[in-house]
Structure formats: C-alpha cells, structure tokens
Amino acid sequence: MIVEMVRRSMLGLGFAAIFTFAILTVMMLQDVQVSIPIVWKNMLGSMVMGIYFGCASLIFDIEDWSPLKRTVVHFLISVITWLALAIYMGWVPFELSTILIGIGIFIVVYLLFWYGSYLYFKRIENEMNNSVKK
C-alpha cells in the first residue's frame, strides 16, 4: 500500500509539473513578471494537489464499496481538499460569490473527468466483451 501511494504521488507530481510548466509558459509568452515567492507558493499548491489526487485515486480500489459510494466519497473529499487549499493559497478569494463560482467550476471539471473516465472504461469493457465473443 505504501509503495502504491508513493507511486501515485509521483504520478500526481508529474501532472502538477506539466500543469505548472504550461502556466509558466503562457506567463512567459505574455511577458508576465511575477516574484519568485509567488511562483514558489503556487507551485507548492500545485504539487500538494497533484499528490492528493494521485493518492485519492486509491479510493477507487476499495472493492467493498459500490462505484457510486467510491465516487461520492472521492468527490466530497476532493472538493473539500481543493477548496481549503484554494482559499489558503489565494486562488479563490474568501467571499461567498467567488467560493460558489469556484465550487461550480470544480464540479464541471470533475464531471468532465468522470465522464471521460466512464467512456474510456466503457470502451475497454466493450473491447473485452468483443474479444471473448470471438
């Protein structure tokens, strides 16, 4: 279990690095000047989120739970973790309207990822069923 958590954390850090690099590239192309402490703080937040989402995927390995329960638990823990970090990091100002907008955007992004995963696994299921029928 520990080895799997470390492996998934590293995967999450990889995604965080790619995301951070993309944002820094856009900032460089736009000639945006930002101080190193601000870049450092935001990169740290990105890394924390990468580690969290890498490890949180272990929730989907709990075979005793239904897929619905796994998804609901993952969603609730994810939105709470993201919101706490987003407010602490200053990504979302501590105002009701911006918090609600932030949660709304989070839900849309979560649903897009969920639906994409659903379609992927549905396709894999169909391919496996078709290979068994042959």
Protein backbone atom coordinates (compact mmCIF):
# COMPACT_ATOMS: atom_id res chain seq x y z
CA MET A 1 0.00 0.00 0.00
CA ILE A 2 2.80 2.46 0.89
CA VAL A 3 4.64 1.68 -2.34
CA GLU A 4 1.44 2.28 -4.32
CA MET A 5 0.85 5.61 -2.52
CA VAL A 6 4.40 6.74 -3.33
CA ARG A 7 3.98 5.65 -6.96
CA ARG A 8 0.69 7.52 -7.30
CA SER A 9 2.13 10.56 -5.52
CA MET A 10 4.94 10.66 -8.07
CA LEU A 11 2.40 10.41 -10.87
CA GLY A 12 0.47 13.31 -9.30
CA LEU A 13 3.67 15.34 -9.03
CA GLY A 14 4.32 14.67 -12.71
CA PHE A 15 0.92 16.07 -13.65
CA ALA A 16 1.50 19.04 -11.33
CA ALA A 17 4.85 19.71 -13.03
CA ILE A 18 3.29 19.60 -16.51
CA PHE A 19 0.46 21.90 -15.40
CA THR A 20 2.88 24.33 -13.74
CA PHE A 21 5.15 24.33 -16.78
CA ALA A 22 2.20 25.08 -19.08
CA ILE A 23 1.09 28.01 -16.91
CA LEU A 24 4.64 29.37 -16.66
CA THR A 25 4.99 29.07 -20.45
CA VAL A 26 1.83 31.10 -21.00
CA MET A 27 3.05 33.68 -18.47
CA MET A 28 6.42 33.88 -20.23
CA LEU A 29 4.81 34.32 -23.65
CA GLN A 30 2.58 37.05 -22.21
CA ASP A 31 5.67 38.66 -20.59
CA VAL A 32 4.08 38.49 -17.13
CA GLN A 33 6.53 39.33 -14.36
CA VAL A 34 5.95 37.52 -11.06
CA SER A 35 8.14 37.31 -7.98
CA ILE A 36 9.82 34.02 -7.10
CA PRO A 37 7.94 33.67 -3.75
CA ILE A 38 4.60 33.84 -5.59
CA VAL A 39 5.72 31.25 -8.16
CA TRP A 40 7.08 29.06 -5.33
CA LYS A 41 3.84 29.27 -3.33
CA ASN A 42 1.66 28.43 -6.32
CA MET A 43 3.95 25.60 -7.39
CA LEU A 44 3.75 24.17 -3.86
CA GLY A 45 -0.05 24.32 -4.03
CA SER A 46 0.00 22.58 -7.39
CA MET A 47 2.28 19.86 -6.01
CA VAL A 48 0.02 19.31 -2.99
CA MET A 49 -2.98 18.92 -5.29
CA GLY A 50 -1.02 16.53 -7.51
CA ILE A 51 -0.06 14.36 -4.55
CA TYR A 52 -3.60 14.45 -3.19
CA PHE A 53 -5.28 13.44 -6.46
CA GLY A 54 -2.64 10.80 -7.09
CA CYS A 55 -3.30 9.19 -3.70
CA ALA A 56 -7.05 9.83 -3.70
CA SER A 57 -7.42 7.53 -6.67
CA LEU A 58 -6.80 4.69 -4.21
CA ILE A 59 -10.41 5.20 -3.10
CA PHE A 60 -11.49 3.57 -6.36
CA ASP A 61 -9.54 0.42 -5.41
CA ILE A 62 -11.81 -0.29 -2.42
CA GLU A 63 -13.72 -3.25 -3.80
CA ASP A 64 -16.15 -3.50 -0.82
CA TRP A 65 -17.73 -0.18 -1.84
CA SER A 66 -20.12 0.36 -4.71
CA PRO A 67 -18.92 2.53 -7.61
CA LEU A 68 -21.40 5.21 -6.51
CA LYS A 69 -20.06 5.25 -2.94
CA ARG A 70 -16.46 5.43 -4.18
CA THR A 71 -17.32 8.31 -6.50
CA VAL A 72 -19.28 10.26 -3.86
CA VAL A 73 -16.57 9.83 -1.21
CA HIS A 74 -13.84 10.78 -3.70
CA PHE A 75 -15.81 13.82 -4.85
CA LEU A 76 -16.57 15.07 -1.33
CA ILE A 77 -13.01 14.66 -0.07
CA SER A 78 -11.68 16.23 -3.28
CA VAL A 79 -13.91 19.30 -3.20
CA ILE A 80 -13.17 19.89 0.50
CA THR A 81 -9.41 19.47 -0.01
CA TRP A 82 -9.36 21.62 -3.12
CA LEU A 83 -11.50 24.37 -1.59
CA ALA A 84 -9.42 24.54 1.60
CA LEU A 85 -6.19 24.73 -0.40
CA ALA A 86 -7.63 27.16 -2.97
CA ILE A 87 -8.75 29.57 -0.24
CA TYR A 88 -5.48 29.22 1.71
CA MET A 89 -3.36 29.76 -1.42
CA GLY A 90 -5.46 32.72 -2.54
CA TRP A 91 -6.62 31.02 -5.73
CA VAL A 92 -10.21 31.65 -4.65
CA PRO A 93 -10.91 34.78 -2.59
CA PHE A 94 -12.73 34.20 0.69
CA GLU A 95 -16.06 35.63 -0.50
CA LEU A 96 -19.30 33.69 -0.85
CA SER A 97 -19.85 34.50 -4.53
CA THR A 98 -16.32 33.54 -5.62
CA ILE A 99 -16.39 30.40 -3.47
CA LEU A 100 -19.66 29.33 -5.11
CA ILE A 101 -18.28 30.07 -8.58
CA GLY A 102 -15.10 28.15 -7.71
CA ILE A 103 -17.11 25.15 -6.49
CA GLY A 104 -19.23 25.31 -9.65
CA ILE A 105 -16.14 25.27 -11.87
CA PHE A 106 -14.68 22.43 -9.79
CA ILE A 107 -17.86 20.40 -10.25
CA VAL A 108 -17.86 20.96 -14.02
CA VAL A 109 -14.19 19.91 -14.31
CA TYR A 110 -14.79 16.90 -12.03
CA LEU A 111 -17.77 15.82 -14.14
CA LEU A 112 -15.75 16.16 -17.35
CA PHE A 113 -13.00 13.94 -15.94
CA TRP A 114 -15.58 11.49 -14.56
CA TYR A 115 -17.41 11.27 -17.88
CA GLY A 116 -14.15 10.85 -19.79
CA SER A 117 -13.13 8.01 -17.46
CA TYR A 118 -16.57 6.46 -17.81
CA LEU A 119 -16.35 6.49 -21.61
CA TYR A 120 -12.82 5.08 -21.53
CA PHE A 121 -13.73 2.17 -19.27
CA LYS A 122 -16.93 1.53 -21.20
CA ARG A 123 -14.87 1.24 -24.38
CA ILE A 124 -12.43 -1.15 -22.65
CA GLU A 125 -15.39 -3.21 -21.41
CA ASN A 126 -16.83 -3.45 -24.93
CA GLU A 127 -13.45 -4.44 -26.38
CA MET A 128 -13.05 -7.16 -23.75
CA ASN A 129 -16.57 -8.46 -24.36
CA ASN A 130 -15.98 -8.50 -28.11
CA SER A 131 -12.71 -10.39 -27.71
CA VAL A 132 -14.44 -13.02 -25.54
CA LYS A 133 -17.22 -13.47 -28.11
CA LYS A 134 -14.70 -14.25 -30.90
